[in-house]
Amino acid sequence: ANMSIFVNSDTKVIVQGLTGGQGKYHGLRNRDYGTNIVAGVTPGKGGQDVEGIPVFDSVADAVAATGADASFVAVPPKAAPAAILEAASAGVGFVVCITEGIPAQDEARGFNTLVRDHPGTRLLGPNCPGIISPGKCNIGITAGEIALPPTADGPNVGIVSRSGTLTYQALHELKEKGIGVSTCVGIGGDPVPGTNFIDCLREFEADPETHAIIMIGEIGGSAEEEAAEFIAASVSKPMSAY
């Protein structure tokens, strides 16, 4: 039963920026967790490797060689929108961008280009901790050891959060109570997130491994109000929201 939402143990991940400090640190942590990290991408460093992970000059080269279907973007703010669009152009279906401080105009332009030209690619972030389906796949900066994998019988909880630190708190407190997590999605608090509450709530509602849902909001914007309308109309599973 390889359920969960967005990512699972079959997900093949590339790290854009694997040769950089943050990309290497978190990419190797994700690999050590058990995530299938198949390649890194850094222009001009193709042919090198990082602790056995091959590095390619472009996402297209990496996808052609490995069949990767997800990307972890760990590059600086100026380069991040282009990196996201490069992954989408190469056919990557799920892109996680942890980069903080992308100018709002760049973020808005990048996301709208994604929606217009690459409707088959889902972006998570930017400025988010990423996603973890405990025991299966961890893409981003979440510490895997604070997340308890789901059990066959449950009850298992799905988490979607705009706040990074409260994401970790929720994972940790559920683990202390012996409650497994199907998937935990940090969507980030930026003005133009690639994936929103409703996207995640819709997936959790349909996921048989998820029995209840936690939603964590943040100050600013109307995302929580929009989610509340969707919950009233379309979510049948028990929920708590903060």
Protein backbone atom coordinates (compact mmCIF):
# COMPACT_ATOMS: atom_id res chain seq x y z
CA ALA A 1 0.00 0.00 0.00
CA ASN A 2 2.08 2.90 -1.29
CA MET A 3 -0.47 5.62 -0.66
CA SER A 4 0.22 9.04 0.91
CA ILE A 5 -0.13 12.19 -1.19
CA PHE A 6 2.20 13.71 -3.82
CA VAL A 7 5.27 11.59 -2.92
CA ASN A 8 5.93 7.99 -1.88
CA SER A 9 8.73 5.40 -1.91
CA ASP A 10 8.62 5.22 -5.73
CA THR A 11 9.36 8.95 -6.13
CA LYS A 12 12.69 9.60 -7.89
CA VAL A 13 14.18 12.91 -6.81
CA ILE A 14 16.84 15.22 -8.25
CA VAL A 15 18.41 18.04 -6.23
CA GLN A 16 18.95 21.31 -8.11
CA GLY A 17 21.90 22.85 -6.29
CA LEU A 18 23.23 19.57 -4.84
CA THR A 19 26.82 20.86 -5.07
CA GLY A 20 26.00 23.92 -2.92
CA GLY A 21 26.13 24.03 0.87
CA GLN A 22 22.39 23.86 1.59
CA GLY A 23 21.60 21.55 -1.31
CA LYS A 24 24.27 19.07 -0.25
CA TYR A 25 23.39 19.16 3.45
CA HIS A 26 19.65 18.66 2.99
CA GLY A 27 19.91 16.47 -0.12
CA LEU A 28 22.13 13.99 1.70
CA ARG A 29 19.88 14.10 4.78
CA ASN A 30 16.92 13.26 2.54
CA ARG A 31 18.90 10.40 0.98
CA ASP A 32 19.94 9.08 4.39
CA TYR A 33 16.26 9.07 5.38
CA GLY A 34 15.59 6.65 2.52
CA THR A 35 14.42 9.05 -0.17
CA ASN A 36 15.37 7.91 -3.66
CA ILE A 37 17.74 10.77 -4.58
CA VAL A 38 18.87 9.84 -8.10
CA ALA A 39 20.82 12.90 -9.29
CA GLY A 40 22.00 16.43 -8.70
CA VAL A 41 21.95 19.32 -11.16
CA THR A 42 24.48 22.15 -11.26
CA PRO A 43 25.30 23.87 -14.58
CA GLY A 44 28.98 23.38 -15.40
CA LYS A 45 29.48 20.52 -12.94
CA GLY A 46 28.09 17.66 -15.00
CA GLY A 47 30.14 14.48 -14.62
CA GLN A 48 30.99 15.11 -10.98
CA ASP A 49 29.29 13.37 -8.09
CA VAL A 50 28.34 14.15 -4.50
CA GLU A 51 28.87 11.13 -2.26
CA GLY A 52 27.97 8.82 -5.13
CA ILE A 53 25.04 10.87 -6.47
CA PRO A 54 25.78 11.79 -10.12
CA VAL A 55 25.65 15.49 -11.07
CA PHE A 56 24.31 16.72 -14.41
CA ASP A 57 24.55 20.09 -16.18
CA SER A 58 20.78 20.35 -16.76
CA VAL A 59 17.53 18.94 -15.45
CA ALA A 60 16.77 17.56 -18.92
CA ASP A 61 20.02 15.54 -18.84
CA ALA A 62 19.27 14.28 -15.32
CA VAL A 63 15.71 13.25 -16.21
CA ALA A 64 16.89 11.50 -19.39
CA ALA A 65 19.46 9.51 -17.40
CA THR A 66 17.42 8.68 -14.30
CA GLY A 67 13.70 9.02 -15.05
CA ALA A 68 13.33 11.45 -12.14
CA ASP A 69 9.79 12.68 -11.49
CA ALA A 70 10.42 15.11 -8.61
CA SER A 71 12.89 17.90 -7.93
CA PHE A 72 14.20 19.61 -4.82
CA VAL A 73 15.19 23.20 -5.65
CA ALA A 74 17.83 24.47 -3.24
CA VAL A 75 19.25 27.45 -5.13
CA PRO A 76 19.52 31.18 -4.25
CA PRO A 77 16.55 33.56 -4.68
CA LYS A 78 17.68 35.10 -7.99
CA ALA A 79 18.08 31.73 -9.68
CA ALA A 80 15.12 29.89 -8.14
CA PRO A 81 12.29 30.87 -10.55
CA ALA A 82 14.39 29.83 -13.57
CA ALA A 83 15.33 26.57 -11.81
CA ILE A 84 11.65 25.77 -11.18
CA LEU A 85 10.74 26.46 -14.82
CA GLU A 86 13.72 24.40 -16.02
CA ALA A 87 12.43 21.42 -14.04
CA ALA A 88 8.92 21.89 -15.44
CA SER A 89 10.28 22.17 -19.00
CA ALA A 90 12.08 18.86 -18.49
CA GLY A 91 8.79 17.20 -17.56
CA VAL A 92 9.28 16.96 -13.79
CA GLY A 93 5.81 16.60 -12.26
CA PHE A 94 6.50 17.69 -8.68
CA VAL A 95 8.90 20.50 -7.70
CA VAL A 96 9.72 21.45 -4.10
CA CYS A 97 11.35 24.87 -3.63
CA ILE A 98 12.65 25.73 -0.16
CA THR A 99 14.25 29.04 -1.24
CA GLU A 100 13.37 31.99 0.98
CA GLY A 101 13.38 35.61 -0.15
CA ILE A 102 12.41 35.28 -3.82
CA PRO A 103 11.14 38.76 -4.83
CA ALA A 104 7.33 38.72 -4.90
CA GLN A 105 7.20 39.89 -8.52
CA ASP A 106 9.56 37.10 -9.64
CA GLU A 107 7.51 34.60 -7.67
CA ALA A 108 4.22 35.74 -9.18
CA ARG A 109 5.62 35.79 -12.73
CA GLY A 110 7.21 32.37 -12.26
CA PHE A 111 4.09 30.74 -10.88
CA ASN A 112 1.82 32.19 -13.57
CA THR A 113 4.24 31.00 -16.26
CA LEU A 114 4.11 27.55 -14.67
CA VAL A 115 0.31 27.50 -14.69
CA ARG A 116 0.16 28.74 -18.30
CA ASP A 117 2.93 26.66 -19.89
CA HIS A 118 3.35 23.62 -17.63
CA PRO A 119 -0.03 22.59 -16.17
CA GLY A 120 1.33 19.09 -15.50
CA THR A 121 3.84 20.32 -12.94
CA ARG A 122 2.92 20.96 -9.30
CA LEU A 123 5.10 23.39 -7.34
CA LEU A 124 5.38 23.17 -3.55
CA GLY A 125 6.65 26.41 -2.01
CA PRO A 126 8.72 28.53 -2.35
CA ASN A 127 9.85 29.36 1.18
CA CYS A 128 8.58 26.14 2.71
CA PRO A 129 10.05 23.20 4.65
CA GLY A 130 8.95 20.76 1.95
CA ILE A 131 7.09 17.47 2.18
CA ILE A 132 7.49 14.21 4.06
CA SER A 133 5.54 10.99 3.65
CA PRO A 134 7.05 9.34 6.74
CA GLY A 135 8.87 6.08 6.09
CA LYS A 136 8.68 6.63 2.33
CA CYS A 137 10.02 9.95 1.09
CA ASN A 138 11.30 13.23 2.51
CA ILE A 139 12.01 16.20 0.21
CA GLY A 140 13.15 19.39 1.92
CA ILE A 141 14.40 20.43 5.33
CA THR A 142 12.10 18.57 7.74
CA ALA A 143 13.91 16.34 10.24
CA GLY A 144 12.75 12.83 9.41
CA GLU A 145 13.18 11.54 12.95
CA ILE A 146 10.34 13.68 14.33
CA ALA A 147 7.76 12.06 12.00
CA LEU A 148 6.09 8.75 12.86
CA PRO A 149 5.22 6.60 9.81
CA PRO A 150 1.57 5.67 9.30
CA THR A 151 0.24 2.30 10.46
CA ALA A 152 -1.91 -0.12 8.47
CA ASP A 153 -4.86 0.32 10.82
CA GLY A 154 -4.34 3.97 11.68
CA PRO A 155 -5.56 6.35 12.69
CA ASN A 156 -3.14 8.34 10.54
CA VAL A 157 -3.13 12.11 10.23
CA GLY A 158 -2.37 14.31 7.22
CA ILE A 159 -0.83 17.72 7.95
CA VAL A 160 -0.86 20.84 5.78
CA SER A 161 0.80 23.97 7.14
CA ARG A 162 1.85 27.47 6.16
CA SER A 163 4.14 27.72 9.19
CA GLY A 164 7.48 25.90 9.16
CA THR A 165 8.16 25.65 12.90
CA LEU A 166 4.60 24.68 13.78
CA THR A 167 4.83 21.91 11.17
CA TYR A 168 7.70 20.39 13.14
CA GLN A 169 5.83 20.87 16.42
CA ALA A 170 2.77 19.06 15.08
CA LEU A 171 4.85 16.15 13.77
CA HIS A 172 6.71 15.86 17.07
CA GLU A 173 3.61 15.99 19.27
CA LEU A 174 1.81 13.38 17.14
CA LYS A 175 4.85 11.09 17.39
CA GLU A 176 4.92 11.50 21.17
CA LYS A 177 1.28 10.33 21.22
CA GLY A 178 2.04 7.38 18.90
CA ILE A 179 -0.02 8.77 16.02
CA GLY A 180 1.31 8.14 12.51
CA VAL A 181 1.35 10.70 9.70
CA SER A 182 0.37 9.85 6.12
CA THR A 183 1.94 12.96 4.58
CA CYS A 184 2.99 16.32 5.99
CA VAL A 185 2.98 19.18 3.48
CA GLY A 186 4.61 22.52 4.32
CA ILE A 187 3.15 24.93 1.77
CA GLY A 188 5.02 27.99 3.06
CA GLY A 189 3.78 31.46 3.88
CA ASP A 190 4.76 33.41 0.76
CA PRO A 191 2.14 35.52 -1.10
CA VAL A 192 2.04 33.24 -4.18
CA PRO A 193 2.42 29.61 -3.11
CA GLY A 194 2.49 26.98 -5.83
CA THR A 195 0.33 24.61 -3.79
CA ASN A 196 -2.36 25.85 -1.40
CA PHE A 197 -4.48 24.51 1.45
CA ILE A 198 -7.32 23.44 -0.83
CA ASP A 199 -5.03 21.47 -3.14
CA CYS A 200 -3.80 19.47 -0.14
CA LEU A 201 -7.18 19.11 1.56
CA ARG A 202 -8.63 17.68 -1.67
CA GLU A 203 -5.83 15.09 -1.81
CA PHE A 204 -6.13 14.16 1.87
CA GLU A 205 -9.89 13.75 1.53
CA ALA A 206 -9.30 11.24 -1.29
CA ASP A 207 -6.37 9.41 0.34
CA PRO A 208 -7.45 6.17 2.04
CA GLU A 209 -4.37 6.21 4.30
CA THR A 210 -5.37 9.58 5.81
CA HIS A 211 -8.05 9.37 8.52
CA ALA A 212 -7.93 12.89 9.95
CA ILE A 213 -6.37 16.21 8.97
CA ILE A 214 -4.50 19.02 10.73
CA MET A 215 -4.33 22.42 9.04
CA ILE A 216 -2.03 25.15 10.36
CA GLY A 217 -2.50 28.70 9.14
CA GLU A 218 -0.52 31.88 9.46
CA ILE A 219 -1.18 35.62 9.66
CA GLY A 220 -1.97 37.39 6.38
CA GLY A 221 -4.06 36.73 3.30
CA SER A 222 -7.36 34.92 2.84
CA ALA A 223 -6.12 31.34 2.32
CA GLU A 224 -7.63 30.10 5.60
CA GLU A 225 -11.06 31.58 4.85
CA GLU A 226 -11.03 30.02 1.38
CA ALA A 227 -10.01 26.68 2.89
CA ALA A 228 -12.84 26.92 5.44
CA GLU A 229 -15.40 27.25 2.63
CA PHE A 230 -13.90 24.23 0.88
CA ILE A 231 -13.90 22.21 4.12
CA ALA A 232 -17.56 22.96 4.76
CA ALA A 233 -18.47 21.87 1.24
CA SER A 234 -16.06 19.02 0.49
CA VAL A 235 -14.19 17.57 3.49
CA SER A 236 -15.81 14.72 5.42
CA LYS A 237 -12.82 13.64 7.55
CA PRO A 238 -12.32 14.96 11.08
CA MET A 239 -10.12 18.05 11.18
CA SER A 240 -8.44 20.41 13.52
CA ALA A 241 -7.09 23.80 12.46
CA TYR A 242 -4.86 26.34 14.09
